[in-house]
Each structure stands twice: as C-alpha cells, then as structure tokens.
Amino acid sequence: MDVRDVPVLLIGFNRPEFMKVQIDRLRLIAPRRVYFASDAPREGRPAEADLVEKTRSAVDQIDWECDVLRDYPEVNIGPGVRIATALRWIFEKERFAVIIEDDVNIHHSFFEFAYQMLVTFEDRADVHTVTGYNPLGRWERAGSDIFFSKVQHLWGWATWKRVIDRCDFHMKSWPAIRDANLLYDILGSRSQAAFWHSRFDATYNGLFDTWDYPYILQSFIDEGKCIVSRVNMVNYLGAGSGSTNTLTLRPYMRVKIDAMEPPFNLPQFSIVDRLADERIFKVRYEAEQSILQQYLTPIKKLVSDPKHGKFLVERLPGPPAKLQL
C-alpha cells in the first residue's frame, strides 16, 4: 500500500475553474480511487445549471489509471446535507479517505502526510482528523512534525470511517450540552465556549447551512483530537460572490503554504497542545467578524429563500435512502 491507495473524496458545485485546479493537483499523486460528489443546480438560477455541468465535466480530465465514482442528487439539497451525505457515501466503502472541497489550495506533499497519519493512527479512537491546515503557519515544539488540537480543522483534511459512523449531523445532543453549559467543561475557556455556543446554536436552529459544526461538536463530545501539521500546507480560495457561506477573504485563509516531507517525527505523548490551541483561537476565530455579523449572511438568505432554514430536517422531505444522514 502507498499514498496512491488512499481514496479521495472530491466535492464541487458550480466553480469549474476551481475543479480543474484540483484535478491538476491530484494528477501529481494519481490516486487510484476518486469519489466525486456534486449538488444539483438551485431553482431559479438558470445560469447555474451550465456551471454545475462544467464542474462535473472537469472530472473527466482525470487521465491516469483511476476508478472514478460519482454521486449527484436529483434536486439541490444545500451544502450541509450534500457534504454530510457525501461523507456517508464514501465511508460505506472505505475505511479512511482524504476530503477535498474545490475551494482549498493544498500542497501536494499533504497527501503523503495524510497517508502516513491515517495508517499510523487508524486504531486510535481518540484521534478524529488529520489536517494540513495550520492557521499559525508554523508551530514547532519538541522536534515534532505534528501537534494535537482539540478543535477539528477541516480545510484539506482526512478521517476514518469510525469517526463518520459516530457523527450525528442532526446535532441531537446539542440541547443537552447547551442547557448544561458543558462547553466550558470541554474547552476550559469562557471565550472559546461562547464562540462555539453561538455557532452550534445557529446551526442547530437552521441559520447555518453547514456540516462542519456538527462534526466539530461530535468530536468535542467524544474528546477527539485533530492531528495538525507542523507547517501549513493548505489555504482557502473560496471566499467571494461564488461562496455559499464565506463572503470575505480574511488573513487566516491565506496563510502561506509550504511542503513537509517524510520522515515525520511524532511526539512522545498524544497530549493536546493547549498553547497552540489558544493561539489558533486568537488567529483563526477571534479574527472572524463579530457574532452579530456572522448571523447577517444566513438571515439574509432566510429572507430571500424561505426554504434555506433547518437544512437537515426540511430540505428533503422523505429523502431516498442514499441521502439520509
């Protein structure tokens, strides 16, 4: 087994130019199995159908020996449901995978890093995610090439079937966690607890159409760790008018990317690096807009699209089995 045997889940929607970049980068690795998930065009946007088709056609540029599997819903289900169901789909067949959304810029060395971490930590139930996104740019302690974070960082990442199988994308546990004020006990920080409380509550109430906050909440509940690379290998390209949830480009999205080559030195102990987490919170999360501003975008969507809310419950009444979470 080598890096080419790690399956890749590729997720795209209506930005064919981004998808072409991802295919060109994957060509450097030539994975043997690529799963491609795309959503259907949204109603009332006639120009979007052509963009969706061009994005899907970009996958036809795969010209190396590779099994390509595709999953397209018949109607638009929104990014939250689409990515959650794509994760369910690939892990019906695979035990681990690298996940790439079309709007991230990943250094090709991340794939070897992810492969070695996926194999090394496969049987470690306390490890949930491998990421190449280091918001600090570089973080070195005790000569290790990785550190462990309590927060799951999900731009250019990898995970295991065992993690997705446990993930409750409906966030059914959130009311109990919220009402007992358990986030402070989990995080040990009032500012961090307040930040995540706002995100989880907004997502649970249908204001954020997303899958990542449910994933992060589940990892908090399960005390899961995220493996973060010593140097940053990923940044974000998707902010702007074509983005569903991210309209403004911020500094933490464009951290310089660098290579990290094997062999990878691992720490002696699998202990969360709380100093790194504190600094990441300041750089990555305190740097975001205020909680009020974060609510403006989804509220505007609710006004313009009354079907946008409660994405996990109401987007697909009576969904077919393959779209159930």
Protein backbone atom coordinates (compact mmCIF):
# COMPACT_ATOMS: atom_id res chain seq x y z
CA MET A 1 0.00 0.00 0.00
CA ASP A 2 1.18 3.53 -0.77
CA VAL A 3 -0.17 7.06 -0.99
CA ARG A 4 -1.99 6.26 -4.25
CA ASP A 5 -4.17 3.78 -2.40
CA VAL A 6 -5.72 6.43 -0.18
CA PRO A 7 -9.16 7.24 -1.62
CA VAL A 8 -10.01 10.88 -2.23
CA LEU A 9 -13.43 12.45 -1.82
CA LEU A 10 -13.63 15.46 -4.12
CA ILE A 11 -16.52 17.88 -3.58
CA GLY A 12 -17.53 20.58 -6.06
CA PHE A 13 -20.57 22.52 -7.16
CA ASN A 14 -20.56 25.48 -9.55
CA ARG A 15 -16.96 26.65 -9.95
CA PRO A 16 -15.40 24.68 -12.82
CA GLU A 17 -12.16 26.68 -12.73
CA PHE A 18 -11.55 25.54 -9.15
CA MET A 19 -12.27 21.94 -10.03
CA LYS A 20 -9.77 21.99 -12.88
CA VAL A 21 -7.09 23.14 -10.42
CA GLN A 22 -7.93 20.25 -8.09
CA ILE A 23 -7.69 17.71 -10.90
CA ASP A 24 -4.31 19.09 -11.95
CA ARG A 25 -3.05 18.78 -8.37
CA LEU A 26 -4.42 15.25 -7.97
CA ARG A 27 -2.59 14.28 -11.14
CA LEU A 28 0.69 14.71 -9.22
CA ILE A 29 -0.44 11.96 -6.83
CA ALA A 30 -2.60 9.90 -9.22
CA PRO A 31 -4.87 8.31 -6.57
CA ARG A 32 -6.39 5.02 -7.63
CA ARG A 33 -9.89 5.87 -6.37
CA VAL A 34 -11.62 9.25 -6.59
CA TYR A 35 -15.14 9.83 -5.32
CA PHE A 36 -16.77 12.95 -6.73
CA ALA A 37 -19.86 14.50 -5.10
CA SER A 38 -21.75 17.44 -6.53
CA ASP A 39 -25.07 19.11 -5.78
CA ALA A 40 -27.82 19.85 -8.31
CA PRO A 41 -28.41 23.42 -9.56
CA ARG A 42 -30.62 25.61 -7.39
CA GLU A 43 -34.10 26.55 -8.55
CA GLY A 44 -34.49 29.99 -10.01
CA ARG A 45 -30.88 30.27 -11.14
CA PRO A 46 -30.87 29.28 -14.82
CA ALA A 47 -27.20 30.13 -15.39
CA GLU A 48 -26.13 27.79 -12.61
CA ALA A 49 -27.05 24.61 -14.50
CA ASP A 50 -24.30 25.26 -17.04
CA LEU A 51 -21.72 25.93 -14.32
CA VAL A 52 -22.67 22.74 -12.48
CA GLU A 53 -22.36 20.73 -15.68
CA LYS A 54 -18.95 22.25 -16.47
CA THR A 55 -17.77 21.49 -12.94
CA ARG A 56 -18.86 17.88 -13.29
CA SER A 57 -17.25 17.65 -16.72
CA ALA A 58 -13.93 18.83 -15.28
CA VAL A 59 -13.67 15.47 -13.52
CA ASP A 60 -13.48 13.88 -16.97
CA GLN A 61 -9.95 15.33 -17.14
CA ILE A 62 -8.76 12.51 -14.90
CA ASP A 63 -6.40 10.75 -17.29
CA TRP A 64 -4.47 8.40 -15.01
CA GLU A 65 -5.41 4.88 -14.04
CA CYS A 66 -8.22 5.55 -11.58
CA ASP A 67 -11.68 4.40 -10.58
CA VAL A 68 -13.97 7.45 -10.54
CA LEU A 69 -17.26 7.18 -8.68
CA ARG A 70 -19.87 9.94 -8.90
CA ASP A 71 -22.81 10.91 -6.71
CA TYR A 72 -25.33 13.53 -7.89
CA PRO A 73 -28.69 14.18 -6.19
CA GLU A 74 -31.65 14.87 -8.44
CA VAL A 75 -32.52 18.14 -6.66
CA ASN A 76 -30.46 20.73 -4.82
CA ILE A 77 -30.02 19.75 -1.18
CA GLY A 78 -27.68 22.51 0.02
CA PRO A 79 -24.05 22.33 1.16
CA GLY A 80 -24.76 20.99 4.64
CA VAL A 81 -26.68 17.94 3.51
CA ARG A 82 -24.57 17.49 0.38
CA ILE A 83 -21.26 17.16 2.18
CA ALA A 84 -22.70 15.15 5.08
CA THR A 85 -24.23 12.64 2.68
CA ALA A 86 -21.03 12.55 0.61
CA LEU A 87 -19.12 11.57 3.74
CA ARG A 88 -21.65 8.86 4.49
CA TRP A 89 -21.37 7.67 0.89
CA ILE A 90 -17.60 7.24 0.71
CA PHE A 91 -17.37 5.60 4.12
CA GLU A 92 -19.89 2.96 3.13
CA LYS A 93 -16.99 1.65 1.03
CA GLU A 94 -13.72 2.92 2.54
CA ARG A 95 -12.06 2.80 5.95
CA PHE A 96 -10.30 6.16 5.56
CA ALA A 97 -10.08 8.95 3.00
CA VAL A 98 -8.75 12.41 2.16
CA ILE A 99 -11.50 15.01 1.72
CA ILE A 100 -11.01 17.94 -0.66
CA GLU A 101 -13.53 20.67 -1.33
CA ASP A 102 -12.94 22.51 -4.56
CA ASP A 103 -12.11 25.84 -2.90
CA VAL A 104 -8.97 24.87 -0.99
CA ASN A 105 -5.38 25.14 -2.17
CA ILE A 106 -3.41 22.09 -1.00
CA HIS A 107 0.30 21.47 -1.32
CA HIS A 108 0.82 18.06 -2.91
CA SER A 109 3.01 16.93 -0.01
CA PHE A 110 -0.10 16.83 2.18
CA PHE A 111 -1.18 13.55 0.59
CA GLU A 112 1.86 11.63 1.79
CA PHE A 113 1.49 13.21 5.22
CA ALA A 114 -2.19 12.27 5.38
CA TYR A 115 -1.47 8.73 4.22
CA GLN A 116 1.13 8.11 6.91
CA MET A 117 -1.02 9.62 9.66
CA LEU A 118 -4.12 7.68 8.55
CA VAL A 119 -2.22 4.41 8.73
CA THR A 120 -0.35 5.21 11.95
CA PHE A 121 -3.39 6.39 13.92
CA GLU A 122 -6.06 4.21 12.33
CA ASP A 123 -6.77 2.27 15.54
CA ARG A 124 -6.60 5.29 17.82
CA ALA A 125 -10.21 6.12 18.71
CA ASP A 126 -9.13 9.39 20.33
CA VAL A 127 -7.79 10.76 17.02
CA HIS A 128 -10.53 12.01 14.68
CA THR A 129 -8.93 14.15 11.99
CA VAL A 130 -5.68 14.73 10.10
CA THR A 131 -5.25 18.22 8.68
CA GLY A 132 -2.68 20.13 6.67
CA TYR A 133 -4.22 23.46 7.67
CA ASN A 134 -2.12 25.15 10.33
CA PRO A 135 -3.53 28.67 10.92
CA LEU A 136 -0.30 29.65 12.69
CA GLY A 137 1.73 28.97 9.56
CA ARG A 138 4.36 27.09 11.55
CA TRP A 139 4.38 25.62 15.06
CA GLU A 140 7.32 23.67 16.39
CA ARG A 141 7.62 22.06 19.80
CA ALA A 142 9.94 19.30 20.99
CA GLY A 143 11.09 18.45 17.46
CA SER A 144 7.73 17.01 16.40
CA ASP A 145 6.21 17.38 12.93
CA ILE A 146 2.67 17.33 14.33
CA PHE A 147 0.70 18.57 17.30
CA PHE A 148 -2.70 17.65 18.66
CA SER A 149 -5.58 20.13 18.74
CA LYS A 150 -8.93 19.85 20.49
CA VAL A 151 -10.61 21.57 17.52
CA GLN A 152 -11.04 19.77 14.20
CA HIS A 153 -9.61 21.89 11.36
CA LEU A 154 -11.38 20.98 8.14
CA TRP A 155 -9.68 22.59 5.16
CA GLY A 156 -7.64 19.88 3.43
CA TRP A 157 -8.23 17.03 5.84
CA ALA A 158 -8.62 13.30 6.24
CA THR A 159 -10.53 11.00 8.55
CA TRP A 160 -11.68 7.46 9.19
CA LYS A 161 -14.93 5.54 8.79
CA ARG A 162 -15.08 5.03 12.56
CA VAL A 163 -15.37 8.82 13.04
CA ILE A 164 -18.04 9.46 10.42
CA ASP A 165 -20.09 6.49 11.60
CA ARG A 166 -20.39 8.15 15.01
CA CYS A 167 -21.08 11.66 13.74
CA ASP A 168 -24.58 12.99 14.39
CA PHE A 169 -25.11 15.60 11.70
CA HIS A 170 -28.54 16.36 13.19
CA MET A 171 -26.86 17.55 16.42
CA LYS A 172 -29.41 15.80 18.59
CA SER A 173 -27.08 16.09 21.60
CA TRP A 174 -26.73 19.86 21.35
CA PRO A 175 -29.73 20.91 23.52
CA ALA A 176 -28.46 18.80 26.42
CA ILE A 177 -24.90 20.11 26.00
CA ARG A 178 -26.17 23.68 25.72
CA ASP A 179 -28.60 23.56 28.64
CA ALA A 180 -25.98 22.07 30.98
CA ASN A 181 -23.33 24.62 29.87
CA LEU A 182 -20.92 21.78 29.15
CA LEU A 183 -18.85 23.56 26.50
CA TYR A 184 -16.88 25.34 29.20
CA ASP A 185 -16.10 21.97 30.84
CA ILE A 186 -14.96 20.64 27.45
CA LEU A 187 -12.88 23.66 26.42
CA GLY A 188 -11.81 25.23 29.71
CA SER A 189 -12.21 28.72 28.24
CA ARG A 190 -15.21 31.04 28.52
CA SER A 191 -14.40 32.90 25.30
CA GLN A 192 -13.99 29.69 23.32
CA ALA A 193 -17.13 28.20 24.85
CA ALA A 194 -19.10 31.33 23.91
CA PHE A 195 -17.78 31.24 20.35
CA TRP A 196 -18.70 27.61 19.76
CA HIS A 197 -22.04 28.00 21.56
CA SER A 198 -23.05 30.66 19.03
CA ARG A 199 -22.00 28.50 16.07
CA PHE A 200 -23.63 25.31 17.29
CA ASP A 201 -26.86 27.04 18.28
CA ALA A 202 -27.13 28.82 14.93
CA THR A 203 -26.53 25.59 13.05
CA TYR A 204 -28.99 23.61 15.18
CA ASN A 205 -31.65 26.26 14.52
CA GLY A 206 -31.09 26.21 10.77
CA LEU A 207 -29.31 29.55 10.37
CA PHE A 208 -26.08 27.98 9.10
CA ASP A 209 -26.33 25.52 6.22
CA THR A 210 -23.21 23.58 7.09
CA TRP A 211 -21.87 20.16 8.06
CA ASP A 212 -18.63 21.08 9.82
CA TYR A 213 -20.06 22.44 13.06
CA PRO A 214 -21.94 19.17 13.73
CA TYR A 215 -18.67 17.30 13.05
CA ILE A 216 -16.76 19.53 15.47
CA LEU A 217 -19.45 19.18 18.13
CA GLN A 218 -19.33 15.39 17.88
CA SER A 219 -15.57 15.46 18.32
CA PHE A 220 -15.92 17.67 21.39
CA ILE A 221 -18.38 15.17 22.85
CA ASP A 222 -16.12 12.21 22.05
CA GLU A 223 -12.95 14.04 23.18
CA GLY A 224 -11.45 13.57 19.73
CA LYS A 225 -8.13 15.10 18.74
CA CYS A 226 -7.04 16.62 15.46
CA ILE A 227 -3.53 15.98 14.11
CA VAL A 228 -2.18 19.31 12.79
CA SER A 229 0.95 19.51 10.63
CA ARG A 230 3.94 21.48 11.86
CA VAL A 231 3.81 23.74 8.79
CA ASN A 232 0.78 24.95 6.88
CA MET A 233 0.03 23.01 3.70
CA VAL A 234 -3.45 24.37 2.94
CA ASN A 235 -5.12 27.71 2.37
CA TYR A 236 -8.57 28.78 1.28
CA LEU A 237 -9.57 30.17 -2.12
CA GLY A 238 -13.33 30.17 -1.91
CA ALA A 239 -14.31 33.48 -0.31
CA GLY A 240 -16.32 35.79 -2.50
CA SER A 241 -19.50 36.01 -4.51
CA GLY A 242 -19.40 32.36 -5.54
CA SER A 243 -19.20 31.13 -1.96
CA THR A 244 -22.23 29.89 -0.05
CA ASN A 245 -21.16 30.94 3.44
CA THR A 246 -17.85 32.86 3.20
CA LEU A 247 -18.09 36.23 1.50
CA THR A 248 -14.97 37.98 2.82
CA LEU A 249 -11.34 36.92 2.41
CA ARG A 250 -9.56 37.06 5.77
CA PRO A 251 -5.84 36.74 6.62
CA TYR A 252 -6.14 33.30 8.22
CA MET A 253 -7.50 31.97 4.91
CA ARG A 254 -4.32 32.88 3.02
CA VAL A 255 -1.58 31.61 5.30
CA LYS A 256 1.48 30.78 3.22
CA ILE A 257 1.66 27.11 2.27
CA ASP A 258 4.81 25.03 2.42
CA ALA A 259 5.95 21.45 1.89
CA MET A 260 6.51 18.88 4.60
CA GLU A 261 8.37 15.79 3.52
CA PRO A 262 8.84 12.43 5.30
CA PRO A 263 10.05 11.04 7.56
CA PHE A 264 7.64 12.64 10.01
CA ASN A 265 8.70 12.90 13.65
CA LEU A 266 5.87 12.16 16.08
CA PRO A 267 5.58 13.43 19.66
CA GLN A 268 6.23 11.09 22.55
CA PHE A 269 2.83 11.85 24.08
CA SER A 270 -0.58 12.37 22.43
CA ILE A 271 -1.49 15.39 24.54
CA VAL A 272 -3.48 18.36 23.22
CA ASP A 273 -1.21 21.37 22.77
CA ARG A 274 -3.26 23.96 24.66
CA LEU A 275 -0.83 26.79 23.93
CA ALA A 276 -1.18 26.16 20.19
CA ASP A 277 -4.96 25.97 20.56
CA GLU A 278 -5.07 29.30 22.39
CA ARG A 279 -3.03 30.98 19.68
CA ILE A 280 -5.10 29.39 16.91
CA PHE A 281 -8.27 30.65 18.58
CA LYS A 282 -6.92 34.20 18.50
CA VAL A 283 -5.66 33.97 14.93
CA ARG A 284 -8.44 31.90 13.41
CA TYR A 285 -11.62 32.51 15.39
CA GLU A 286 -11.29 35.83 17.19
CA ALA A 287 -10.22 37.23 13.82
CA GLU A 288 -13.63 36.44 12.38
CA GLN A 289 -16.36 39.01 12.28
CA SER A 290 -18.46 39.54 15.38
CA ILE A 291 -21.17 37.02 16.20
CA LEU A 292 -23.80 39.51 15.02
CA GLN A 293 -22.10 39.91 11.63
CA GLN A 294 -21.84 36.15 11.32
CA TYR A 295 -25.59 35.93 11.62
CA LEU A 296 -26.27 38.52 8.89
CA THR A 297 -25.48 36.30 5.90
CA PRO A 298 -27.74 33.39 6.86
CA ILE A 299 -30.53 35.75 7.96
CA LYS A 300 -30.39 37.46 4.57
CA LYS A 301 -30.67 34.02 2.97
CA LEU A 302 -33.68 33.20 5.10
CA VAL A 303 -35.36 36.36 3.88
CA SER A 304 -34.59 35.68 0.22
CA ASP A 305 -35.04 31.89 0.35
CA PRO A 306 -37.57 30.65 2.92
CA LYS A 307 -36.52 27.05 2.19
CA HIS A 308 -32.97 27.69 3.39
CA GLY A 309 -33.54 27.10 7.11
CA LYS A 310 -33.49 23.82 9.02
CA PHE A 311 -31.33 22.22 6.35
CA LEU A 312 -31.17 18.78 7.93
CA VAL A 313 -34.89 18.46 8.52
CA GLU A 314 -36.79 20.24 5.79
CA ARG A 315 -34.60 20.33 2.68
CA LEU A 316 -35.54 16.85 1.56
CA PRO A 317 -38.85 15.60 2.96
CA GLY A 318 -38.82 11.84 2.61
CA PRO A 319 -35.31 11.59 1.08
CA PRO A 320 -34.18 8.46 -0.72
CA ALA A 321 -32.05 6.11 1.34
CA LYS A 322 -28.72 7.26 -0.08
CA LEU A 323 -29.42 10.84 1.04
CA GLN A 324 -30.39 10.01 4.59
CA LEU A 325 -27.94 11.18 7.23
